[in-house]
Amino acid sequence: MTLKVRFFASLRERLRLSDCSVPYEQGMTVEQVWNTVTSQTPLPGNLLCAVNMEYVSLLQSVSDGDEVAFFPPVTGG
């Protein structure tokens, strides 16, 4: 029972981690996934999160086998 976790752009560089797997625990939220993987690193204020390629809030529950992704907001110009 695991979750796949991915980090993109500046988060990947800052955390020095592109992806990993973490044990799934029933009732786990996206925020708890972040805390587990980053050893309680404070959440960036503008963090975007996705579960299975759909944007979600930090309070979203995850399920066994989900892919959870974290990335900074995309800007363009």
N, C-alpha and C. Protein backbone atom coordinates (compact mmCIF):
# COMPACT_ATOMS: atom_id res chain seq x y z
N MET A 1 0.85 -1.17 0.00
CA MET A 1 0.00 0.00 0.00
C MET A 1 0.89 1.24 0.00
N THR A 2 0.97 1.89 -1.15
CA THR A 2 1.86 3.05 -1.27
C THR A 2 1.23 4.16 -2.08
N LEU A 3 1.82 5.32 -1.95
CA LEU A 3 1.48 6.50 -2.75
C LEU A 3 2.73 6.91 -3.51
N LYS A 4 2.55 7.37 -4.73
CA LYS A 4 3.66 7.94 -5.50
C LYS A 4 3.58 9.45 -5.31
N VAL A 5 4.70 10.06 -4.99
CA VAL A 5 4.75 11.49 -4.74
C VAL A 5 5.75 12.11 -5.70
N ARG A 6 5.34 13.23 -6.33
CA ARG A 6 6.21 13.90 -7.30
C ARG A 6 6.31 15.38 -6.96
N PHE A 7 7.48 15.95 -7.21
CA PHE A 7 7.73 17.37 -7.00
C PHE A 7 8.21 17.97 -8.32
N PHE A 8 7.78 19.19 -8.60
CA PHE A 8 8.10 19.83 -9.87
C PHE A 8 8.76 21.19 -9.67
N ALA A 9 9.50 21.60 -10.70
CA ALA A 9 10.11 22.92 -10.83
C ALA A 9 10.95 23.28 -9.60
N SER A 10 10.74 24.47 -9.05
CA SER A 10 11.59 24.94 -7.96
C SER A 10 11.46 24.09 -6.70
N LEU A 11 10.32 23.43 -6.50
CA LEU A 11 10.18 22.54 -5.34
C LEU A 11 11.14 21.36 -5.45
N ARG A 12 11.24 20.82 -6.63
CA ARG A 12 12.17 19.70 -6.86
C ARG A 12 13.60 20.13 -6.55
N GLU A 13 13.95 21.32 -6.99
CA GLU A 13 15.31 21.82 -6.75
C GLU A 13 15.54 22.11 -5.27
N ARG A 14 14.56 22.72 -4.63
CA ARG A 14 14.71 23.08 -3.22
C ARG A 14 14.79 21.85 -2.32
N LEU A 15 13.95 20.86 -2.60
CA LEU A 15 13.91 19.65 -1.77
C LEU A 15 14.94 18.60 -2.21
N ARG A 16 15.52 18.81 -3.39
CA ARG A 16 16.46 17.84 -3.98
C ARG A 16 15.82 16.46 -4.08
N LEU A 17 14.58 16.47 -4.56
CA LEU A 17 13.80 15.24 -4.67
C LEU A 17 12.80 15.41 -5.80
N SER A 18 12.80 14.49 -6.75
CA SER A 18 11.84 14.60 -7.85
C SER A 18 10.63 13.70 -7.62
N ASP A 19 10.86 12.50 -7.10
CA ASP A 19 9.73 11.62 -6.81
C ASP A 19 10.15 10.57 -5.79
N CYS A 20 9.15 9.99 -5.17
CA CYS A 20 9.39 8.95 -4.18
C CYS A 20 8.07 8.22 -3.92
N SER A 21 8.14 7.18 -3.15
CA SER A 21 6.95 6.46 -2.71
C SER A 21 6.90 6.53 -1.20
N VAL A 22 5.69 6.64 -0.67
CA VAL A 22 5.50 6.64 0.78
C VAL A 22 4.41 5.65 1.14
N PRO A 23 4.48 5.09 2.34
CA PRO A 23 3.43 4.17 2.76
C PRO A 23 2.10 4.89 2.90
N TYR A 24 1.06 4.26 2.41
CA TYR A 24 -0.29 4.80 2.54
C TYR A 24 -0.86 4.45 3.91
N GLU A 25 -1.50 5.45 4.53
CA GLU A 25 -2.21 5.23 5.78
C GLU A 25 -3.65 5.71 5.58
N GLN A 26 -4.59 4.92 6.00
CA GLN A 26 -6.00 5.27 5.82
C GLN A 26 -6.29 6.63 6.44
N GLY A 27 -7.04 7.45 5.73
CA GLY A 27 -7.42 8.77 6.20
C GLY A 27 -6.38 9.84 5.94
N MET A 28 -5.31 9.49 5.28
CA MET A 28 -4.22 10.43 5.00
C MET A 28 -4.70 11.53 4.07
N THR A 29 -4.24 12.77 4.33
CA THR A 29 -4.56 13.90 3.47
C THR A 29 -3.31 14.30 2.67
N VAL A 30 -3.52 15.16 1.69
CA VAL A 30 -2.41 15.67 0.89
C VAL A 30 -1.39 16.39 1.79
N GLU A 31 -1.88 17.15 2.74
CA GLU A 31 -0.97 17.86 3.66
C GLU A 31 -0.14 16.87 4.47
N GLN A 32 -0.73 15.78 4.90
CA GLN A 32 0.01 14.77 5.64
C GLN A 32 1.06 14.09 4.76
N VAL A 33 0.75 13.92 3.49
CA VAL A 33 1.73 13.37 2.55
C VAL A 33 2.93 14.31 2.48
N TRP A 34 2.67 15.62 2.31
CA TRP A 34 3.74 16.60 2.28
C TRP A 34 4.61 16.49 3.53
N ASN A 35 3.97 16.47 4.70
CA ASN A 35 4.71 16.42 5.96
C ASN A 35 5.54 15.14 6.09
N THR A 36 5.00 14.04 5.63
CA THR A 36 5.72 12.77 5.70
C THR A 36 6.96 12.79 4.82
N VAL A 37 6.80 13.25 3.60
CA VAL A 37 7.91 13.22 2.64
C VAL A 37 8.96 14.27 2.94
N THR A 38 8.55 15.44 3.40
CA THR A 38 9.50 16.54 3.58
C THR A 38 9.97 16.71 5.02
N SER A 39 9.65 15.77 5.87
CA SER A 39 10.03 15.86 7.29
C SER A 39 9.56 17.16 7.92
N GLN A 40 8.31 17.49 7.66
CA GLN A 40 7.65 18.67 8.25
C GLN A 40 8.19 20.01 7.75
N THR A 41 8.79 20.04 6.56
CA THR A 41 9.21 21.31 5.97
C THR A 41 7.98 22.20 5.83
N PRO A 42 8.07 23.47 6.24
CA PRO A 42 6.90 24.35 6.12
C PRO A 42 6.37 24.41 4.68
N LEU A 43 5.06 24.41 4.57
CA LEU A 43 4.41 24.48 3.26
C LEU A 43 4.60 25.86 2.65
N PRO A 44 5.01 25.95 1.40
CA PRO A 44 5.03 27.25 0.72
C PRO A 44 3.61 27.80 0.63
N GLY A 45 3.48 29.10 0.76
CA GLY A 45 2.16 29.73 0.76
C GLY A 45 1.37 29.56 -0.53
N ASN A 46 2.05 29.40 -1.63
CA ASN A 46 1.38 29.34 -2.93
C ASN A 46 1.45 27.95 -3.57
N LEU A 47 1.59 26.93 -2.75
CA LEU A 47 1.75 25.57 -3.23
C LEU A 47 0.50 25.08 -3.97
N LEU A 48 0.71 24.44 -5.11
CA LEU A 48 -0.37 23.77 -5.83
C LEU A 48 -0.22 22.28 -5.63
N CYS A 49 -1.36 21.59 -5.50
CA CYS A 49 -1.35 20.15 -5.26
C CYS A 49 -2.30 19.47 -6.24
N ALA A 50 -1.95 18.26 -6.59
CA ALA A 50 -2.81 17.47 -7.47
C ALA A 50 -2.80 16.02 -7.00
N VAL A 51 -3.93 15.37 -7.13
CA VAL A 51 -4.04 13.94 -6.90
C VAL A 51 -4.54 13.33 -8.19
N ASN A 52 -3.78 12.42 -8.72
CA ASN A 52 -4.11 11.77 -9.99
C ASN A 52 -4.42 12.80 -11.09
N MET A 53 -3.57 13.83 -11.15
CA MET A 53 -3.60 14.87 -12.18
C MET A 53 -4.80 15.81 -12.09
N GLU A 54 -5.44 15.91 -10.92
CA GLU A 54 -6.53 16.87 -10.71
C GLU A 54 -6.17 17.75 -9.52
N TYR A 55 -6.29 19.08 -9.71
CA TYR A 55 -5.98 19.99 -8.61
C TYR A 55 -6.89 19.71 -7.42
N VAL A 56 -6.29 19.75 -6.23
CA VAL A 56 -7.04 19.50 -4.99
C VAL A 56 -6.50 20.42 -3.90
N SER A 57 -7.22 20.47 -2.79
CA SER A 57 -6.75 21.23 -1.63
C SER A 57 -5.86 20.34 -0.77
N LEU A 58 -5.18 20.95 0.16
CA LEU A 58 -4.33 20.20 1.08
C LEU A 58 -5.14 19.26 1.98
N LEU A 59 -6.43 19.51 2.11
CA LEU A 59 -7.28 18.70 2.98
C LEU A 59 -7.85 17.48 2.26
N GLN A 60 -7.58 17.36 0.97
CA GLN A 60 -8.09 16.22 0.19
C GLN A 60 -7.54 14.91 0.72
N SER A 61 -8.41 13.94 0.91
CA SER A 61 -7.97 12.60 1.31
C SER A 61 -7.36 11.89 0.11
N VAL A 62 -6.42 11.02 0.37
CA VAL A 62 -5.82 10.22 -0.69
C VAL A 62 -6.16 8.75 -0.48
N SER A 63 -6.02 7.98 -1.54
CA SER A 63 -6.30 6.55 -1.50
C SER A 63 -5.06 5.78 -1.90
N ASP A 64 -5.01 4.54 -1.50
CA ASP A 64 -3.88 3.68 -1.84
C ASP A 64 -3.67 3.69 -3.35
N GLY A 65 -2.43 3.87 -3.77
CA GLY A 65 -2.09 3.85 -5.18
C GLY A 65 -2.18 5.20 -5.87
N ASP A 66 -2.65 6.23 -5.19
CA ASP A 66 -2.75 7.56 -5.80
C ASP A 66 -1.38 8.14 -6.10
N GLU A 67 -1.36 9.06 -7.07
CA GLU A 67 -0.18 9.87 -7.34
C GLU A 67 -0.47 11.27 -6.82
N VAL A 68 0.39 11.77 -5.95
CA VAL A 68 0.24 13.10 -5.37
C VAL A 68 1.38 13.96 -5.89
N ALA A 69 1.03 15.11 -6.44
CA ALA A 69 2.05 15.99 -7.02
C ALA A 69 1.99 17.37 -6.36
N PHE A 70 3.17 17.95 -6.19
CA PHE A 70 3.30 19.28 -5.61
C PHE A 70 4.12 20.14 -6.56
N PHE A 71 3.65 21.39 -6.78
CA PHE A 71 4.40 22.28 -7.65
C PHE A 71 4.03 23.72 -7.38
N PRO A 72 4.94 24.64 -7.68
CA PRO A 72 4.64 26.06 -7.51
C PRO A 72 3.68 26.51 -8.59
N PRO A 73 3.00 27.62 -8.37
CA PRO A 73 2.09 28.11 -9.41
C PRO A 73 2.83 28.39 -10.71
N VAL A 74 2.16 28.18 -11.80
CA VAL A 74 2.74 28.42 -13.12
C VAL A 74 2.45 29.86 -13.50
N THR A 75 3.48 30.54 -13.95
CA THR A 75 3.29 31.91 -14.44
C THR A 75 3.80 31.98 -15.87
N GLY A 76 3.32 32.91 -16.56
CA GLY A 76 3.74 33.06 -17.95
C GLY A 76 3.83 34.52 -18.32
N GLY A 77 4.27 34.74 -19.50
CA GLY A 77 4.36 36.13 -19.89
C GLY A 77 4.71 36.26 -21.33
